[in-house]
Amino acid sequence: MKNVSVTTFIHTLFIIALVVLGATFYYLLSSGKEQRHLQQINRYKIIADHFLTREEFDQNSTAYRKLLRTYHLRPIDPNTVKKEIEKEGVTIFSGRSVYGIVRVFRTKRHYYVFVERYDYDVMLQDLHPQDYIYELILTIATVLVLLLLFMYVMVLRKLYPLKRLHHQIEQFAAGDLDVRIEETGDDEIGRIARSFDKAIRHIKQLMSSKNLFMRNIMHELKTPITKGRIVIETIDDEMARKVLTNAFERMNELISDLAEVERITMYNFEPTREDATLQAVIERTERVLMADREKYEIRIVDRPLRTDVKLLALVFKNLMDNGIKYSPDHHVRLQSVGNRIEVRSIGEPLKEDLSYYTEPFSQEEKRSHGFGLGLYIVANILEKLGYGFRYRYDKETGENVFEVIID
């Protein structure tokens, strides 16, 4: 039941309630109707016994008048009801003896008792109040079913804002920060909707502030970095010039990484997929890696891909760049194994789980290179492309192995 939606649960609940209610009243009506019919037949048997078991039963006798009063019978002219009985009358009881015949007719509106004795004939109308239990139960059942259906409709109407809220939350999750959640109700759903709307406005404001801050800081850093690189060319001390050059290059690298992070983490960012090959991706990776050829080794089996070549090349570039920077021999190997692309480099195993390093600005202690954005960018790109990403340590070779699962 945990995975059943609220709407489905309510549908099921009301259907079960309706079936149980219908079955209950059907049982009451069917069993009660049979019992009432037996009681009615027994009553007419008693009446028939009075007429058929006595040799003399005078219409003017006290016993005859007492019988009429006791059983609510009234003598009527047979001709007045003849057409009614012929047209719609149904015989529900008949009795016979040596003294005569008694038959009971039922029409849509009345019950009639016809007595045909050897000494007289009489038509009696049954004035006994009819048993309206059947009609009463049917009325109650109808009212309860209508009430149940009314409650069902009202519950669904009460839940409709929740369905609309779910749709709007999905829009927000899909990246639509302009979605407005308007709910005027003062119930729990209305309060949740208004709170979520405030949260969306706050998140949108924070993202706008973050984007503005990122753009401003990258713009402000570009100018002094450019001026600084020009100035250091005038420094005669080669050691100082090299240190400053490395510092400016690292700052420039940080700006590039931040720009890439901002681009791929935008809510509306979508990769540009195209038909390509793994070899084409690797060739682009080598172009952007800008490392000496002796520092890396590539062993791949070419295969067709439908992917964003630029982004996937950036993934391999970052992984290989990390391997070159952090391995003792500054060497990395990229190879394809089935549906996996492995990036291997010698080194100590990672101290934390991979999820720790895919957070921005996370890195091992005492690292002197990088800003902890490489794996964060890698993880985000692979998520956008729909590829898997794993890490393991190969104890036999002493290598850190980062795996990109293409399929």
Protein backbone atom coordinates (compact mmCIF):
# COMPACT_ATOMS: atom_id res chain seq x y z
CA MET A 1 0.00 0.00 0.00
CA LYS A 2 3.01 2.32 0.39
CA ASN A 3 3.38 2.67 -3.37
CA VAL A 4 -0.34 3.24 -4.03
CA SER A 5 -1.27 6.84 -4.79
CA VAL A 6 -3.74 8.67 -2.56
CA THR A 7 -6.24 8.99 -5.42
CA THR A 8 -6.09 5.27 -6.21
CA PHE A 9 -6.45 4.44 -2.52
CA ILE A 10 -9.57 6.63 -2.27
CA HIS A 11 -11.04 5.09 -5.43
CA THR A 12 -10.46 1.61 -4.02
CA LEU A 13 -11.83 2.54 -0.59
CA PHE A 14 -15.06 3.99 -1.96
CA ILE A 15 -15.56 1.09 -4.37
CA ILE A 16 -15.19 -1.38 -1.51
CA ALA A 17 -17.59 0.67 0.65
CA LEU A 18 -20.12 0.80 -2.19
CA VAL A 19 -19.90 -2.96 -2.79
CA VAL A 20 -20.24 -3.77 0.92
CA LEU A 21 -23.18 -1.37 1.29
CA GLY A 22 -24.91 -2.82 -1.77
CA ALA A 23 -24.34 -6.41 -0.65
CA THR A 24 -25.67 -5.65 2.85
CA PHE A 25 -28.88 -4.05 1.63
CA TYR A 26 -29.38 -6.74 -1.00
CA TYR A 27 -29.20 -9.37 1.73
CA LEU A 28 -31.60 -7.44 3.94
CA LEU A 29 -34.06 -6.93 1.10
CA SER A 30 -33.93 -10.49 -0.21
CA SER A 31 -34.13 -12.23 3.19
CA GLY A 32 -36.69 -9.79 4.59
CA LYS A 33 -38.91 -10.02 1.55
CA GLU A 34 -39.15 -13.80 1.82
CA GLN A 35 -39.91 -13.62 5.51
CA ARG A 36 -42.63 -11.00 5.03
CA HIS A 37 -44.16 -13.08 2.25
CA LEU A 38 -44.39 -16.10 4.58
CA GLN A 39 -45.99 -13.99 7.29
CA GLN A 40 -48.54 -12.70 4.80
CA ILE A 41 -49.41 -16.20 3.57
CA ASN A 42 -49.82 -17.41 7.17
CA ARG A 43 -52.22 -14.54 7.80
CA TYR A 44 -54.35 -15.47 4.80
CA LYS A 45 -54.32 -19.13 5.90
CA ILE A 46 -55.87 -18.10 9.22
CA ILE A 47 -58.50 -16.05 7.44
CA ALA A 48 -59.26 -18.95 5.10
CA ASP A 49 -59.56 -21.35 8.02
CA HIS A 50 -62.40 -19.27 9.48
CA PHE A 51 -64.38 -19.55 6.25
CA LEU A 52 -63.50 -23.10 5.25
CA THR A 53 -63.58 -25.04 8.52
CA ARG A 54 -67.03 -24.08 9.70
CA GLU A 55 -70.21 -25.42 8.31
CA GLU A 56 -72.05 -22.27 9.24
CA PHE A 57 -70.39 -18.88 9.14
CA ASP A 58 -73.14 -16.34 8.75
CA GLN A 59 -72.30 -12.90 7.44
CA ASN A 60 -74.45 -11.39 10.16
CA SER A 61 -72.86 -13.33 13.00
CA THR A 62 -70.74 -11.79 15.69
CA ALA A 63 -67.81 -14.07 14.75
CA TYR A 64 -67.93 -12.83 11.15
CA ARG A 65 -67.90 -9.17 12.19
CA LYS A 66 -65.12 -9.85 14.71
CA LEU A 67 -63.07 -11.51 11.94
CA LEU A 68 -63.42 -8.44 9.73
CA ARG A 69 -62.34 -6.13 12.54
CA THR A 70 -59.44 -8.30 13.65
CA TYR A 71 -57.94 -8.71 10.18
CA HIS A 72 -58.93 -5.33 8.77
CA LEU A 73 -61.23 -6.66 6.05
CA ARG A 74 -64.01 -4.73 4.37
CA PRO A 75 -66.79 -6.20 2.18
CA ILE A 76 -67.06 -4.56 -1.25
CA ASP A 77 -69.08 -5.06 -4.41
CA PRO A 78 -67.23 -7.55 -6.66
CA ASN A 79 -68.30 -5.65 -9.77
CA THR A 80 -66.34 -2.56 -8.68
CA VAL A 81 -63.03 -4.42 -8.65
CA LYS A 82 -63.71 -7.00 -11.36
CA LYS A 83 -61.88 -5.11 -14.11
CA GLU A 84 -58.93 -4.32 -11.83
CA ILE A 85 -58.53 -7.98 -10.86
CA GLU A 86 -58.94 -9.25 -14.43
CA LYS A 87 -56.42 -6.76 -15.76
CA GLU A 88 -53.63 -6.90 -13.19
CA GLY A 89 -54.67 -9.32 -10.47
CA VAL A 90 -52.35 -12.13 -9.43
CA THR A 91 -53.48 -15.05 -7.24
CA ILE A 92 -51.09 -15.33 -4.31
CA PHE A 93 -53.09 -17.78 -2.18
CA SER A 94 -55.95 -20.20 -2.57
CA GLY A 95 -57.65 -22.61 -0.19
CA ARG A 96 -60.40 -25.17 -0.64
CA SER A 97 -62.64 -27.31 1.53
CA VAL A 98 -66.07 -28.96 1.38
CA TYR A 99 -67.54 -25.63 2.47
CA GLY A 100 -66.09 -23.51 -0.30
CA ILE A 101 -63.08 -21.77 -1.84
CA VAL A 102 -60.98 -18.82 -0.68
CA ARG A 103 -58.67 -16.99 -3.11
CA VAL A 104 -56.47 -13.98 -2.49
CA PHE A 105 -55.67 -11.56 -5.37
CA ARG A 106 -52.97 -8.97 -5.44
CA THR A 107 -53.11 -5.90 -7.66
CA LYS A 108 -50.77 -2.93 -7.86
CA ARG A 109 -52.69 -1.08 -5.17
CA HIS A 110 -54.72 -3.59 -3.09
CA TYR A 111 -55.19 -7.13 -1.85
CA TYR A 112 -58.61 -8.80 -2.24
CA VAL A 113 -59.98 -11.90 -0.54
CA PHE A 114 -62.73 -13.67 -2.48
CA VAL A 115 -64.82 -16.16 -0.47
CA GLU A 116 -67.07 -18.54 -2.36
CA ARG A 117 -69.10 -20.67 0.05
CA TYR A 118 -72.00 -23.00 -0.70
CA ASP A 119 -74.32 -20.55 1.08
CA TYR A 120 -72.92 -17.13 -0.04
CA ASP A 121 -70.13 -15.29 -1.96
CA VAL A 122 -68.29 -12.25 -0.66
CA MET A 123 -65.44 -10.02 -1.90
CA LEU A 124 -63.31 -8.54 0.87
CA GLN A 125 -60.75 -5.80 0.54
CA ASP A 126 -57.71 -6.20 2.79
CA LEU A 127 -57.25 -2.93 4.69
CA HIS A 128 -54.36 -4.21 6.76
CA PRO A 129 -51.50 -1.71 6.60
CA GLN A 130 -48.97 -3.06 4.11
CA ASP A 131 -45.45 -3.83 5.26
CA TYR A 132 -43.38 -0.95 3.95
CA ILE A 133 -40.09 -2.30 5.32
CA TYR A 134 -39.03 -3.21 1.79
CA GLU A 135 -39.67 0.32 0.56
CA LEU A 136 -38.06 1.78 3.68
CA ILE A 137 -34.89 -0.29 3.30
CA LEU A 138 -34.72 0.57 -0.40
CA THR A 139 -35.11 4.27 0.41
CA ILE A 140 -32.43 4.17 3.09
CA ALA A 141 -30.08 2.28 0.74
CA THR A 142 -30.62 4.86 -2.00
CA VAL A 143 -29.99 7.75 0.40
CA LEU A 144 -26.80 6.13 1.75
CA VAL A 145 -25.46 5.38 -1.75
CA LEU A 146 -26.12 8.96 -2.83
CA LEU A 147 -24.46 10.23 0.35
CA LEU A 148 -21.45 7.99 -0.28
CA LEU A 149 -21.15 9.22 -3.86
CA PHE A 150 -21.45 12.83 -2.66
CA MET A 151 -18.65 12.27 -0.13
CA TYR A 152 -16.57 10.60 -2.85
CA VAL A 153 -16.95 13.60 -5.16
CA MET A 154 -16.20 16.04 -2.33
CA VAL A 155 -13.03 14.17 -1.32
CA LEU A 156 -11.80 14.18 -4.93
CA ARG A 157 -12.54 17.89 -5.21
CA LYS A 158 -10.64 18.44 -1.98
CA LEU A 159 -7.66 16.55 -3.40
CA TYR A 160 -7.71 18.29 -6.79
CA PRO A 161 -5.48 21.17 -5.57
CA LEU A 162 -2.95 18.53 -4.45
CA LYS A 163 -2.87 17.12 -7.99
CA ARG A 164 -2.37 20.61 -9.41
CA LEU A 165 0.36 21.27 -6.83
CA HIS A 166 2.12 18.04 -7.85
CA HIS A 167 2.07 19.13 -11.51
CA GLN A 168 3.52 22.55 -10.62
CA ILE A 169 6.23 20.98 -8.47
CA GLU A 170 7.18 18.74 -11.42
CA GLN A 171 7.43 21.87 -13.58
CA PHE A 172 9.75 23.40 -11.02
CA ALA A 173 11.81 20.19 -10.85
CA ALA A 174 12.11 20.29 -14.64
CA GLY A 175 13.71 23.74 -14.35
CA ASP A 176 10.79 26.14 -14.72
CA LEU A 177 11.64 28.73 -12.07
CA ASP A 178 8.82 31.01 -13.26
CA VAL A 179 6.06 28.64 -12.17
CA ARG A 180 3.53 30.25 -9.83
CA ILE A 181 1.75 28.17 -7.21
CA GLU A 182 -1.46 29.97 -6.36
CA GLU A 183 -3.76 28.34 -3.84
CA THR A 184 -6.34 30.42 -1.97
CA GLY A 185 -7.59 27.65 0.33
CA ASP A 186 -6.82 27.86 4.03
CA ASP A 187 -6.53 24.11 4.57
CA GLU A 188 -3.34 22.07 4.85
CA ILE A 189 -2.92 21.83 1.06
CA GLY A 190 -3.30 25.57 0.68
CA ARG A 191 -0.72 26.30 3.37
CA ILE A 192 1.75 23.81 1.86
CA ALA A 193 1.25 25.37 -1.59
CA ARG A 194 1.89 28.88 -0.30
CA SER A 195 4.99 27.75 1.60
CA PHE A 196 6.35 26.00 -1.49
CA ASP A 197 5.66 29.10 -3.60
CA LYS A 198 7.70 31.18 -1.14
CA ALA A 199 10.50 28.60 -1.34
CA ILE A 200 10.52 28.81 -5.15
CA ARG A 201 10.74 32.60 -5.03
CA HIS A 202 13.60 32.38 -2.53
CA ILE A 203 15.48 29.76 -4.58
CA LYS A 204 15.04 31.83 -7.74
CA GLN A 205 16.41 34.88 -5.95
CA LEU A 206 19.39 32.92 -4.63
CA MET A 207 20.17 31.50 -8.09
CA SER A 208 19.94 34.93 -9.67
CA SER A 209 22.28 36.31 -7.01
CA LYS A 210 24.70 33.41 -7.50
CA ASN A 211 24.76 33.81 -11.28
CA LEU A 212 25.28 37.55 -10.99
CA PHE A 213 28.07 37.04 -8.48
CA MET A 214 29.77 34.42 -10.65
CA ARG A 215 29.65 36.59 -13.75
CA ASN A 216 30.92 39.65 -11.90
CA ILE A 217 33.79 37.88 -10.16
CA MET A 218 34.93 36.16 -13.37
CA HIS A 219 34.78 39.46 -15.22
CA GLU A 220 36.66 41.29 -12.48
CA LEU A 221 39.35 38.60 -12.31
CA LYS A 222 40.01 38.47 -16.04
CA THR A 223 41.40 42.00 -16.20
CA PRO A 224 44.02 41.78 -13.39
CA ILE A 225 45.07 38.32 -14.59
CA THR A 226 45.69 39.64 -18.09
CA LYS A 227 47.58 42.66 -16.77
CA GLY A 228 49.57 40.48 -14.37
CA ARG A 229 50.67 38.10 -17.13
CA ILE A 230 51.87 41.08 -19.15
CA VAL A 231 53.77 42.53 -16.21
CA ILE A 232 55.56 39.28 -15.27
CA GLU A 233 57.17 39.19 -18.69
CA THR A 234 59.23 42.20 -17.57
CA ILE A 235 60.62 40.38 -14.53
CA ASP A 236 64.22 39.29 -14.96
CA ASP A 237 64.22 36.67 -12.20
CA GLU A 238 63.30 33.48 -14.04
CA MET A 239 62.29 31.61 -10.86
CA ALA A 240 59.97 34.40 -9.73
CA ARG A 241 58.54 34.73 -13.23
CA LYS A 242 57.81 30.97 -13.32
CA VAL A 243 56.09 31.02 -9.92
CA LEU A 244 53.93 33.99 -10.88
CA THR A 245 53.12 32.47 -14.26
CA ASN A 246 51.93 29.24 -12.57
CA ALA A 247 49.84 31.27 -10.12
CA PHE A 248 48.13 33.21 -12.91
CA GLU A 249 47.60 30.04 -14.92
CA ARG A 250 45.92 28.43 -11.92
CA MET A 251 43.69 31.47 -11.47
CA ASN A 252 42.81 31.39 -15.15
CA GLU A 253 42.08 27.67 -14.85
CA LEU A 254 39.77 28.34 -11.91
CA ILE A 255 37.84 30.93 -13.90
CA SER A 256 37.44 28.49 -16.80
CA ASP A 257 36.27 25.77 -14.42
CA LEU A 258 33.77 28.09 -12.75
CA ALA A 259 32.41 29.17 -16.14
CA GLU A 260 31.99 25.52 -17.14
CA VAL A 261 30.31 24.68 -13.84
CA GLU A 262 27.88 27.55 -14.24
CA ARG A 263 27.03 26.43 -17.77
CA ILE A 264 26.44 22.72 -17.17
CA THR A 265 24.59 23.17 -13.89
CA MET A 266 22.01 25.55 -15.33
CA TYR A 267 18.51 24.08 -14.89
CA ASN A 268 17.70 24.45 -18.59
CA PHE A 269 21.02 23.12 -19.91
CA GLU A 270 20.68 20.24 -22.39
CA PRO A 271 23.58 18.41 -24.10
CA THR A 272 23.88 18.71 -27.87
CA ARG A 273 23.81 15.08 -28.98
CA GLU A 274 25.11 14.00 -32.37
CA ASP A 275 26.25 10.84 -34.12
CA ALA A 276 29.96 10.41 -33.54
CA THR A 277 32.61 7.83 -32.72
CA LEU A 278 34.68 7.16 -29.64
CA GLN A 279 37.80 7.93 -31.68
CA ALA A 280 36.46 11.42 -32.48
CA VAL A 281 35.86 12.04 -28.78
CA ILE A 282 39.37 10.91 -27.89
CA GLU A 283 40.93 13.11 -30.60
CA ARG A 284 39.14 16.13 -29.14
CA THR A 285 40.24 15.09 -25.66
CA GLU A 286 43.87 15.11 -26.74
CA ARG A 287 43.48 18.58 -28.25
CA VAL A 288 42.07 20.11 -25.06
CA LEU A 289 44.34 18.15 -22.69
CA MET A 290 47.48 19.97 -23.87
CA ALA A 291 49.81 17.50 -22.17
CA ASP A 292 53.00 15.95 -23.42
CA ARG A 293 52.33 12.72 -25.31
CA GLU A 294 54.63 10.69 -23.07
CA LYS A 295 52.43 11.51 -20.06
CA TYR A 296 49.41 9.56 -21.25
CA GLU A 297 48.58 6.34 -23.08
CA ILE A 298 45.36 5.56 -24.99
CA ARG A 299 44.08 2.06 -25.82
CA ILE A 300 40.57 2.05 -27.23
CA VAL A 301 38.36 0.03 -29.57
CA ASP A 302 36.45 2.49 -31.71
CA ARG A 303 32.67 2.36 -31.54
CA PRO A 304 29.75 4.56 -32.66
CA LEU A 305 28.22 6.95 -30.14
CA ARG A 306 25.35 9.40 -29.99
CA THR A 307 26.58 11.95 -27.54
CA ASP A 308 27.77 15.49 -26.94
CA VAL A 309 31.35 15.18 -28.21
CA LYS A 310 32.54 18.39 -26.55
CA LEU A 311 31.20 17.47 -23.11
CA LEU A 312 32.35 13.85 -23.18
CA ALA A 313 35.81 14.99 -24.28
CA LEU A 314 35.82 17.40 -21.32
CA VAL A 315 35.04 14.45 -19.01
CA PHE A 316 38.02 12.45 -20.27
CA LYS A 317 40.22 15.56 -20.23
CA ASN A 318 39.46 16.24 -16.55
CA LEU A 319 39.96 12.60 -15.53
CA MET A 320 43.24 12.33 -17.42
CA ASP A 321 44.40 15.71 -16.15
CA ASN A 322 43.76 14.58 -12.56
CA GLY A 323 45.69 11.38 -13.20
CA ILE A 324 48.68 13.26 -14.58
CA LYS A 325 48.68 15.79 -11.72
CA TYR A 326 48.21 13.45 -8.79
CA SER A 327 49.99 10.21 -9.77
CA PRO A 328 53.61 9.84 -8.61
CA ASP A 329 54.84 9.11 -12.13
CA HIS A 330 52.58 11.76 -13.71
CA HIS A 331 51.28 9.22 -16.18
CA VAL A 332 47.73 8.14 -17.02
CA ARG A 333 46.22 5.46 -19.23
CA LEU A 334 42.79 5.63 -20.94
CA GLN A 335 41.37 2.37 -22.26
CA SER A 336 38.03 0.90 -23.38
CA VAL A 337 36.75 -2.32 -21.78
CA GLY A 338 33.40 -3.41 -23.20
CA ASN A 339 30.90 -0.65 -22.49
CA ARG A 340 33.31 1.07 -20.05
CA ILE A 341 35.99 3.67 -20.57
CA GLU A 342 38.62 3.40 -17.86
CA VAL A 343 41.04 6.12 -16.79
CA ARG A 344 43.89 4.53 -14.79
CA SER A 345 46.76 6.11 -12.87
CA ILE A 346 49.13 4.86 -10.19
CA GLY A 347 48.58 6.25 -6.69
CA GLU A 348 47.20 5.75 -3.23
CA PRO A 349 43.48 4.81 -3.00
CA LEU A 350 41.05 7.60 -2.31
CA LYS A 351 40.35 8.11 1.38
CA GLU A 352 36.66 8.94 0.90
CA ASP A 353 33.82 7.62 -1.23
CA LEU A 354 33.50 8.93 -4.77
CA SER A 355 30.47 11.03 -3.76
CA TYR A 356 32.75 13.13 -1.53
CA TYR A 357 34.95 14.13 -4.46
CA THR A 358 32.05 14.94 -6.78
CA GLU A 359 31.12 17.83 -4.49
CA PRO A 360 32.54 21.22 -5.53
CA PHE A 361 35.87 22.32 -4.01
CA SER A 362 36.54 18.97 -2.35
CA GLN A 363 40.08 17.55 -2.52
CA GLU A 364 42.59 15.51 -0.56
CA GLU A 365 44.69 17.25 2.07
CA LYS A 366 48.02 18.76 0.97
CA ARG A 367 47.21 18.74 -2.72
CA SER A 368 49.02 21.52 -4.47
CA HIS A 369 47.15 21.47 -7.77
CA GLY A 370 43.57 22.12 -8.76
CA PHE A 371 40.55 23.52 -6.99
CA GLY A 372 38.41 20.42 -6.46
CA LEU A 373 36.09 21.15 -9.40
CA GLY A 374 37.29 18.49 -11.85
CA LEU A 375 35.24 15.53 -10.58
CA TYR A 376 32.30 17.80 -9.80
CA ILE A 377 32.21 18.85 -13.47
CA VAL A 378 32.68 15.23 -14.58
CA ALA A 379 29.79 13.96 -12.42
CA ASN A 380 27.43 16.70 -13.63
CA ILE A 381 28.24 16.14 -17.29
CA LEU A 382 27.79 12.37 -17.05
CA GLU A 383 24.48 12.85 -15.27
CA LYS A 384 23.30 15.14 -18.09
CA LEU A 385 24.45 12.58 -20.68
CA GLY A 386 22.84 9.69 -18.81
CA TYR A 387 26.11 7.78 -18.34
CA GLY A 388 27.31 5.96 -15.22
CA PHE A 389 30.34 6.91 -13.18
CA ARG A 390 32.25 4.61 -10.79
CA TYR A 391 35.54 4.42 -8.94
CA ARG A 392 37.56 1.43 -7.76
CA TYR A 393 41.09 0.74 -6.67
CA ASP A 394 43.00 -2.02 -8.47
CA LYS A 395 45.18 -3.60 -5.77
CA GLU A 396 47.08 -5.78 -8.25
CA THR A 397 48.40 -2.82 -10.25
CA GLY A 398 48.13 -0.17 -7.51
CA GLU A 399 46.02 2.00 -9.79
CA ASN A 400 43.07 4.31 -9.20
CA VAL A 401 40.45 3.43 -11.80
CA PHE A 402 37.68 5.83 -12.81
CA GLU A 403 35.05 4.17 -15.02
CA VAL A 404 32.61 5.90 -17.39
CA ILE A 405 29.79 3.49 -18.29
CA ILE A 406 28.53 4.44 -21.75
CA ASP A 407 25.59 2.01 -22.00
